C-alpha atoms as a PDB file:
ATOM      1  CA  MET A   1      10.223  10.376  11.445  1.00  0.00           C
ATOM      2  CA  ASN A   2       9.602   9.923   7.717  1.00  0.00           C
ATOM      3  CA  GLU A   3       6.930  12.411   6.596  1.00  0.00           C
ATOM      4  CA  THR A   4       5.387   9.947   4.153  1.00  0.00           C
ATOM      5  CA  LEU A   5       5.148   7.324   6.876  1.00  0.00           C
ATOM      6  CA  GLU A   6       3.337   9.817   9.098  1.00  0.00           C
ATOM      7  CA  ARG A   7       0.914  10.566   6.287  1.00  0.00           C
ATOM      8  CA  LEU A   8       0.225   6.839   5.933  1.00  0.00           C
ATOM      9  CA  ARG A   9      -0.391   6.663   9.667  1.00  0.00           C
ATOM     10  CA  ALA A  10      -2.914   9.480   9.353  1.00  0.00           C
ATOM     11  CA  ALA A  11      -4.555   7.833   6.328  1.00  0.00           C
ATOM     12  CA  ARG A  12      -4.957   4.514   8.232  1.00  0.00           C
ATOM     13  CA  VAL A  13      -5.902   2.647   5.053  1.00  0.00           C
ATOM     14  CA  ILE A  14      -3.938   2.189   1.825  1.00  0.00           C
ATOM     15  CA  ALA A  15      -6.100   1.173  -1.118  1.00  0.00           C
ATOM     16  CA  VAL A  16      -4.228  -1.441  -3.166  1.00  0.00           C
ATOM     17  CA  LEU A  17      -5.503  -1.259  -6.750  1.00  0.00           C
ATOM     18  CA  ARG A  18      -5.228  -4.114  -9.229  1.00  0.00           C
ATOM     19  CA  THR A  19      -7.252  -3.222 -12.302  1.00  0.00           C
ATOM     20  CA  PRO A  20      -7.424  -4.324 -15.966  1.00  0.00           C
ATOM     21  CA  ASP A  21      -5.877  -1.124 -17.325  1.00  0.00           C
ATOM     22  CA  ALA A  22      -4.550   2.328 -16.479  1.00  0.00           C
ATOM     23  CA  ASP A  23      -7.819   4.115 -17.232  1.00  0.00           C
ATOM     24  CA  SER A  24      -9.799   2.053 -14.738  1.00  0.00           C
ATOM     25  CA  ALA A  25      -7.008   2.414 -12.175  1.00  0.00           C
ATOM     26  CA  VAL A  26      -7.133   6.201 -12.376  1.00  0.00           C
ATOM     27  CA  ARG A  27     -10.926   6.309 -12.284  1.00  0.00           C
ATOM     28  CA  ALA A  28     -10.998   3.937  -9.304  1.00  0.00           C
ATOM     29  CA  ALA A  29      -8.411   6.070  -7.524  1.00  0.00           C
ATOM     30  CA  GLN A  30     -10.574   9.147  -8.058  1.00  0.00           C
ATOM     31  CA  ALA A  31     -13.669   7.365  -6.736  1.00  0.00           C
ATOM     32  CA  LEU A  32     -11.840   6.102  -3.655  1.00  0.00           C
ATOM     33  CA  ALA A  33     -10.417   9.564  -2.977  1.00  0.00           C
ATOM     34  CA  GLU A  34     -13.940  10.994  -3.155  1.00  0.00           C
ATOM     35  CA  GLY A  35     -14.865   8.435  -0.492  1.00  0.00           C
ATOM     36  CA  GLY A  36     -12.134   9.677   1.836  1.00  0.00           C
ATOM     37  CA  VAL A  37      -9.201   7.372   1.017  1.00  0.00           C
ATOM     38  CA  ARG A  38      -5.950   9.300   1.424  1.00  0.00           C
ATOM     39  CA  ALA A  39      -3.351   6.716   0.349  1.00  0.00           C
ATOM     40  CA  ILE A  40      -3.456   4.651  -2.824  1.00  0.00           C
ATOM     41  CA  GLU A  41      -1.043   2.006  -4.115  1.00  0.00           C
ATOM     42  CA  LEU A  42      -1.208   1.397  -7.854  1.00  0.00           C
ATOM     43  CA  THR A  43       0.324  -1.969  -8.629  1.00  0.00           C
ATOM     44  CA  PHE A  44       2.487  -3.154 -11.490  1.00  0.00           C
ATOM     45  CA  THR A  45       0.100  -6.039 -12.095  1.00  0.00           C
ATOM     46  CA  THR A  46      -1.978  -3.376 -13.877  1.00  0.00           C
ATOM     47  CA  PRO A  47      -1.001  -2.894 -17.548  1.00  0.00           C
ATOM     48  CA  GLY A  48       0.198   0.673 -17.951  1.00  0.00           C
ATOM     49  CA  ALA A  49       0.876   1.087 -14.239  1.00  0.00           C
ATOM     50  CA  GLU A  50       3.453   3.812 -14.830  1.00  0.00           C
ATOM     51  CA  ASP A  51       0.903   5.876 -16.744  1.00  0.00           C
ATOM     52  CA  ALA A  52      -1.682   5.252 -14.014  1.00  0.00           C
ATOM     53  CA  VAL A  53       0.646   6.512 -11.288  1.00  0.00           C
ATOM     54  CA  ARG A  54       1.539   9.629 -13.269  1.00  0.00           C
ATOM     55  CA  ARG A  55      -2.092  10.464 -14.041  1.00  0.00           C
ATOM     56  CA  ALA A  56      -3.299   9.743 -10.519  1.00  0.00           C
ATOM     57  CA  ARG A  57      -0.640  12.066  -9.098  1.00  0.00           C
ATOM     58  CA  ALA A  58      -1.811  14.826 -11.450  1.00  0.00           C
ATOM     59  CA  GLU A  59      -5.525  14.237 -10.796  1.00  0.00           C
ATOM     60  CA  LEU A  60      -5.423  13.806  -7.021  1.00  0.00           C
ATOM     61  CA  GLY A  61      -2.828  16.442  -6.156  1.00  0.00           C
ATOM     62  CA  ASP A  62      -1.219  16.651  -2.743  1.00  0.00           C
ATOM     63  CA  GLU A  63      -4.240  15.515  -0.733  1.00  0.00           C
ATOM     64  CA  VAL A  64      -3.748  11.837  -1.575  1.00  0.00           C
ATOM     65  CA  LEU A  65      -0.519   9.846  -1.344  1.00  0.00           C
ATOM     66  CA  VAL A  66       0.036   7.836  -4.508  1.00  0.00           C
ATOM     67  CA  GLY A  67       2.515   4.991  -4.420  1.00  0.00           C
ATOM     68  CA  ALA A  68       3.567   2.106  -6.649  1.00  0.00           C
ATOM     69  CA  GLY A  69       3.284  -1.511  -5.586  1.00  0.00           C
ATOM     70  CA  THR A  70       4.137  -5.044  -6.662  1.00  0.00           C
ATOM     71  CA  ILE A  71       7.549  -3.754  -7.748  1.00  0.00           C
ATOM     72  CA  ARG A  72       9.619  -6.831  -8.566  1.00  0.00           C
ATOM     73  CA  ASP A  73      12.576  -5.581 -10.560  1.00  0.00           C
ATOM     74  CA  ARG A  74      14.760  -2.583 -11.328  1.00  0.00           C
ATOM     75  CA  ALA A  75      12.847  -1.674 -14.498  1.00  0.00           C
ATOM     76  CA  GLN A  76       9.601  -1.351 -12.577  1.00  0.00           C
ATOM     77  CA  LEU A  77      11.360   0.685  -9.909  1.00  0.00           C
ATOM     78  CA  GLU A  78      12.673   3.103 -12.532  1.00  0.00           C
ATOM     79  CA  ALA A  79       9.212   3.370 -14.068  1.00  0.00           C
ATOM     80  CA  ALA A  80       7.655   4.090 -10.677  1.00  0.00           C
ATOM     81  CA  LEU A  81      10.175   6.828  -9.988  1.00  0.00           C
ATOM     82  CA  ALA A  82       9.682   8.394 -13.404  1.00  0.00           C
ATOM     83  CA  ALA A  83       5.936   8.480 -12.768  1.00  0.00           C
ATOM     84  CA  GLY A  84       6.409  10.244  -9.428  1.00  0.00           C
ATOM     85  CA  ALA A  85       5.409   7.488  -7.003  1.00  0.00           C
ATOM     86  CA  GLU A  86       5.584   8.807  -3.444  1.00  0.00           C
ATOM     87  CA  PHE A  87       6.143   5.420  -1.806  1.00  0.00           C
ATOM     88  CA  LEU A  88       7.383   2.076  -3.099  1.00  0.00           C
ATOM     89  CA  VAL A  89       6.073  -1.379  -2.201  1.00  0.00           C
ATOM     90  CA  THR A  90       7.265  -4.894  -3.001  1.00  0.00           C
ATOM     91  CA  PRO A  91       5.455  -8.194  -2.397  1.00  0.00           C
ATOM     92  CA  HIS A  92       8.704  -9.872  -1.365  1.00  0.00           C
ATOM     93  CA  LEU A  93      12.162  -9.207   0.060  1.00  0.00           C
ATOM     94  CA  ASP A  94      14.943  -8.783  -2.508  1.00  0.00           C
ATOM     95  CA  LEU A  95      17.971  -7.191  -0.844  1.00  0.00           C
ATOM     96  CA  VAL A  96      19.514  -5.938  -4.096  1.00  0.00           C
ATOM     97  CA  LEU A  97      16.237  -4.326  -5.153  1.00  0.00           C
ATOM     98  CA  LEU A  98      15.719  -3.001  -1.625  1.00  0.00           C
ATOM     99  CA  ALA A  99      19.105  -1.239  -1.704  1.00  0.00           C
ATOM    100  CA  ALA A 100      18.164   0.468  -4.973  1.00  0.00           C
ATOM    101  CA  MET A 101      14.793   1.498  -3.544  1.00  0.00           C
ATOM    102  CA  VAL A 102      16.242   2.867  -0.312  1.00  0.00           C
ATOM    103  CA  ALA A 103      18.762   4.895  -2.322  1.00  0.00           C
ATOM    104  CA  THR A 104      15.874   6.829  -3.916  1.00  0.00           C
ATOM    105  CA  GLY A 105      14.986   8.464  -0.613  1.00  0.00           C
ATOM    106  CA  ARG A 106      11.329   7.420  -0.997  1.00  0.00           C
ATOM    107  CA  LEU A 107       9.506   5.517   1.726  1.00  0.00           C
ATOM    108  CA  VAL A 108       9.964   1.811   1.003  1.00  0.00           C
ATOM    109  CA  LEU A 109       7.669  -0.978   2.213  1.00  0.00           C
ATOM    110  CA  PRO A 110       9.346  -4.303   1.408  1.00  0.00           C
ATOM    111  CA  GLY A 111       7.167  -7.381   1.690  1.00  0.00           C
ATOM    112  CA  THR A 112       8.105  -9.513   4.688  1.00  0.00           C
ATOM    113  CA  LEU A 113       6.562 -12.295   6.739  1.00  0.00           C
ATOM    114  CA  THR A 114       9.164 -13.948   8.963  1.00  0.00           C
ATOM    115  CA  PRO A 115      11.310 -12.361  11.697  1.00  0.00           C
ATOM    116  CA  SER A 116      14.396 -13.137   9.585  1.00  0.00           C
ATOM    117  CA  GLU A 117      12.954 -11.209   6.649  1.00  0.00           C
ATOM    118  CA  VAL A 118      12.014  -8.290   8.909  1.00  0.00           C
ATOM    119  CA  ALA A 119      15.542  -8.161  10.337  1.00  0.00           C
ATOM    120  CA  ALA A 120      17.094  -8.344   6.862  1.00  0.00           C
ATOM    121  CA  ALA A 121      14.824  -5.538   5.623  1.00  0.00           C
ATOM    122  CA  LEU A 122      15.767  -3.296   8.546  1.00  0.00           C
ATOM    123  CA  ASP A 123      19.457  -4.085   8.092  1.00  0.00           C
ATOM    124  CA  GLY A 124      19.001  -3.189   4.420  1.00  0.00           C
ATOM    125  CA  GLY A 125      17.800   0.296   5.316  1.00  0.00           C
ATOM    126  CA  ALA A 126      14.028  -0.043   5.340  1.00  0.00           C
ATOM    127  CA  GLU A 127      12.237   2.229   7.815  1.00  0.00           C
ATOM    128  CA  ALA A 128       9.027   0.193   7.697  1.00  0.00           C
ATOM    129  CA  VAL A 129       7.839  -3.146   6.352  1.00  0.00           C
ATOM    130  CA  LYS A 130       4.786  -4.626   4.739  1.00  0.00           C
ATOM    131  CA  LEU A 131       3.452  -7.772   6.454  1.00  0.00           C
ATOM    132  CA  PHE A 132       2.145 -10.048   3.725  1.00  0.00           C
ATOM    133  CA  PRO A 133      -0.050 -12.043   3.590  1.00  0.00           C
ATOM    134  CA  ALA A 134      -1.374 -10.639   6.860  1.00  0.00           C
ATOM    135  CA  SER A 135      -4.490 -12.801   7.018  1.00  0.00           C
ATOM    136  CA  ALA A 136      -2.319 -15.921   7.074  1.00  0.00           C
ATOM    137  CA  VAL A 137      -0.776 -14.994  10.424  1.00  0.00           C
ATOM    138  CA  GLY A 138      -3.261 -12.715  12.182  1.00  0.00           C
ATOM    139  CA  ARG A 139      -3.030  -9.819  14.592  1.00  0.00           C
ATOM    140  CA  SER A 140      -1.404 -11.798  17.403  1.00  0.00           C
ATOM    141  CA  TYR A 141       1.553 -12.361  15.071  1.00  0.00           C
ATOM    142  CA  LEU A 142       2.009  -8.618  14.667  1.00  0.00           C
ATOM    143  CA  LYS A 143       1.977  -8.177  18.434  1.00  0.00           C
ATOM    144  CA  ALA A 144       4.592 -10.924  18.742  1.00  0.00           C
ATOM    145  CA  LEU A 145       6.813  -9.245  16.133  1.00  0.00           C
ATOM    146  CA  HIS A 146       6.849  -6.091  18.208  1.00  0.00           C
ATOM    147  CA  GLY A 147       8.597  -8.032  20.974  1.00  0.00           C
ATOM    148  CA  PRO A 148      11.985  -8.330  19.233  1.00  0.00           C
ATOM    149  CA  PHE A 149      11.255  -5.311  16.997  1.00  0.00           C
ATOM    150  CA  PRO A 150       9.734  -2.692  19.323  1.00  0.00           C
ATOM    151  CA  GLY A 151       8.262   0.289  17.543  1.00  0.00           C
ATOM    152  CA  LEU A 152       8.593  -1.374  14.146  1.00  0.00           C
ATOM    153  CA  PRO A 153       6.301   0.397  11.632  1.00  0.00           C
ATOM    154  CA  VAL A 154       4.295  -2.370   9.955  1.00  0.00           C
ATOM    155  CA  VAL A 155       1.656  -2.205   7.217  1.00  0.00           C
ATOM    156  CA  PRO A 156      -0.315  -5.487   7.206  1.00  0.00           C
ATOM    157  CA  THR A 157      -1.753  -6.296   3.778  1.00  0.00           C
ATOM    158  CA  GLY A 158      -3.778  -9.163   2.375  1.00  0.00           C
ATOM    159  CA  GLY A 159      -7.224 -10.377   3.361  1.00  0.00           C
ATOM    160  CA  ILE A 160      -8.110  -7.469   5.649  1.00  0.00           C
ATOM    161  CA  GLY A 161     -11.809  -6.608   5.601  1.00  0.00           C
ATOM    162  CA  PRO A 162     -13.487  -3.470   6.946  1.00  0.00           C
ATOM    163  CA  GLY A 163     -14.307  -5.151  10.232  1.00  0.00           C
ATOM    164  CA  ASP A 164     -10.637  -5.981  10.788  1.00  0.00           C
ATOM    165  CA  VAL A 165      -9.034  -2.572  10.249  1.00  0.00           C
ATOM    166  CA  GLN A 166      -9.392  -1.091  13.723  1.00  0.00           C
ATOM    167  CA  ALA A 167      -8.248  -4.321  15.368  1.00  0.00           C
ATOM    168  CA  TRP A 168      -5.052  -4.310  13.281  1.00  0.00           C
ATOM    169  CA  LEU A 169      -4.448  -0.661  14.143  1.00  0.00           C
ATOM    170  CA  ASP A 170      -5.003  -1.454  17.826  1.00  0.00           C
ATOM    171  CA  ALA A 171      -2.473  -4.294  17.472  1.00  0.00           C
ATOM    172  CA  GLY A 172       0.154  -1.747  16.423  1.00  0.00           C
ATOM    173  CA  ALA A 173      -0.150  -1.405  12.646  1.00  0.00           C
ATOM    174  CA  VAL A 174       0.799   1.957  11.156  1.00  0.00           C
ATOM    175  CA  ALA A 175      -1.880   1.485   8.490  1.00  0.00           C
ATOM    176  CA  VAL A 176      -3.424  -1.435   6.640  1.00  0.00           C
ATOM    177  CA  GLY A 177      -3.379  -2.292   2.956  1.00  0.00           C
ATOM    178  CA  ALA A 178      -6.779  -3.186   1.527  1.00  0.00           C
ATOM    179  CA  GLY A 179      -7.512  -4.578  -1.909  1.00  0.00           C
ATOM    180  CA  GLY A 180     -10.608  -6.455  -3.014  1.00  0.00           C
ATOM    181  CA  ASP A 181     -12.764  -5.576  -0.018  1.00  0.00           C
ATOM    182  CA  LEU A 182     -12.167  -1.861  -0.499  1.00  0.00           C
ATOM    183  CA  CYS A 183     -12.104  -1.868  -4.305  1.00  0.00           C
ATOM    184  CA  PRO A 184     -14.243  -4.785  -5.548  1.00  0.00           C
ATOM    185  CA  ALA A 185     -13.282  -5.939  -9.031  1.00  0.00           C
ATOM    186  CA  ALA A 186     -16.925  -6.085 -10.132  1.00  0.00           C
ATOM    187  CA  LEU A 187     -17.503  -2.402  -9.394  1.00  0.00           C
ATOM    188  CA  VAL A 188     -14.390  -1.457 -11.370  1.00  0.00           C
ATOM    189  CA  ALA A 189     -15.238  -3.731 -14.300  1.00  0.00           C
ATOM    190  CA  GLU A 190     -18.742  -2.286 -14.547  1.00  0.00           C
ATOM    191  CA  GLY A 191     -17.701   1.315 -13.969  1.00  0.00           C
ATOM    192  CA  ARG A 192     -19.890   1.702 -10.888  1.00  0.00           C
ATOM    193  CA  TRP A 193     -17.831   4.561  -9.518  1.00  0.00           C
ATOM    194  CA  ASP A 194     -20.486   6.024  -7.208  1.00  0.00           C
ATOM    195  CA  GLU A 195     -20.831   2.647  -5.531  1.00  0.00           C
ATOM    196  CA  LEU A 196     -17.058   2.433  -5.180  1.00  0.00           C
ATOM    197  CA  THR A 197     -17.042   5.822  -3.450  1.00  0.00           C
ATOM    198  CA  ALA A 198     -19.790   4.605  -1.112  1.00  0.00           C
ATOM    199  CA  THR A 199     -17.806   1.436  -0.406  1.00  0.00           C
ATOM    200  CA  ALA A 200     -14.795   3.533   0.566  1.00  0.00           C
ATOM    201  CA  GLU A 201     -16.932   5.639   2.900  1.00  0.00           C
ATOM    202  CA  ARG A 202     -18.308   2.521   4.602  1.00  0.00           C
ATOM    203  CA  TYR A 203     -14.859   0.961   4.864  1.00  0.00           C
ATOM    204  CA  LEU A 204     -13.339   4.017   6.520  1.00  0.00           C
ATOM    205  CA  ALA A 205     -16.324   4.440   8.841  1.00  0.00           C
ATOM    206  CA  ALA A 206     -15.855   0.860  10.035  1.00  0.00           C
END
């Protein structure tokens, strides 16, 4: 079993950070880590994402998995690798990009929704998939996917609040991706890092 995947399973929650700049991304990552978050996805919707990944890796050390998300092309993939991203996430399924990502040896979480996309991702070498947007289909959909794809490692992402996490895990998710509910934009914009740490603690406790 992929070691990174097992670390995600142990983390249970992946914080998906979309911030205005690299500085706020790194500071938010630190605050979330202080609150107990052990897996963080820094997305390429953040200006300077490569710098944010590199700095977060240096600041957080080996205790927190730091990955790169919203990777949509080869240039972003190369930037993520250069920054030391430990796992790679896309919002969509691009088989050419997936092949390049799988070739890196990193854990890859391609964005999928339909059974056809899941099958194509697995055929393309993915060990796990991201289910996005998860809130659009619900937990019963994940259970149904495990019929034709037994044991499939799935990371549901999108619209998952603190009260939903355990139910998704019980439905068979490896971990869940959490964005705005775990890292509210207002707290980041106003630099309320202590409150962000407290939010992370409450989220994980739930």
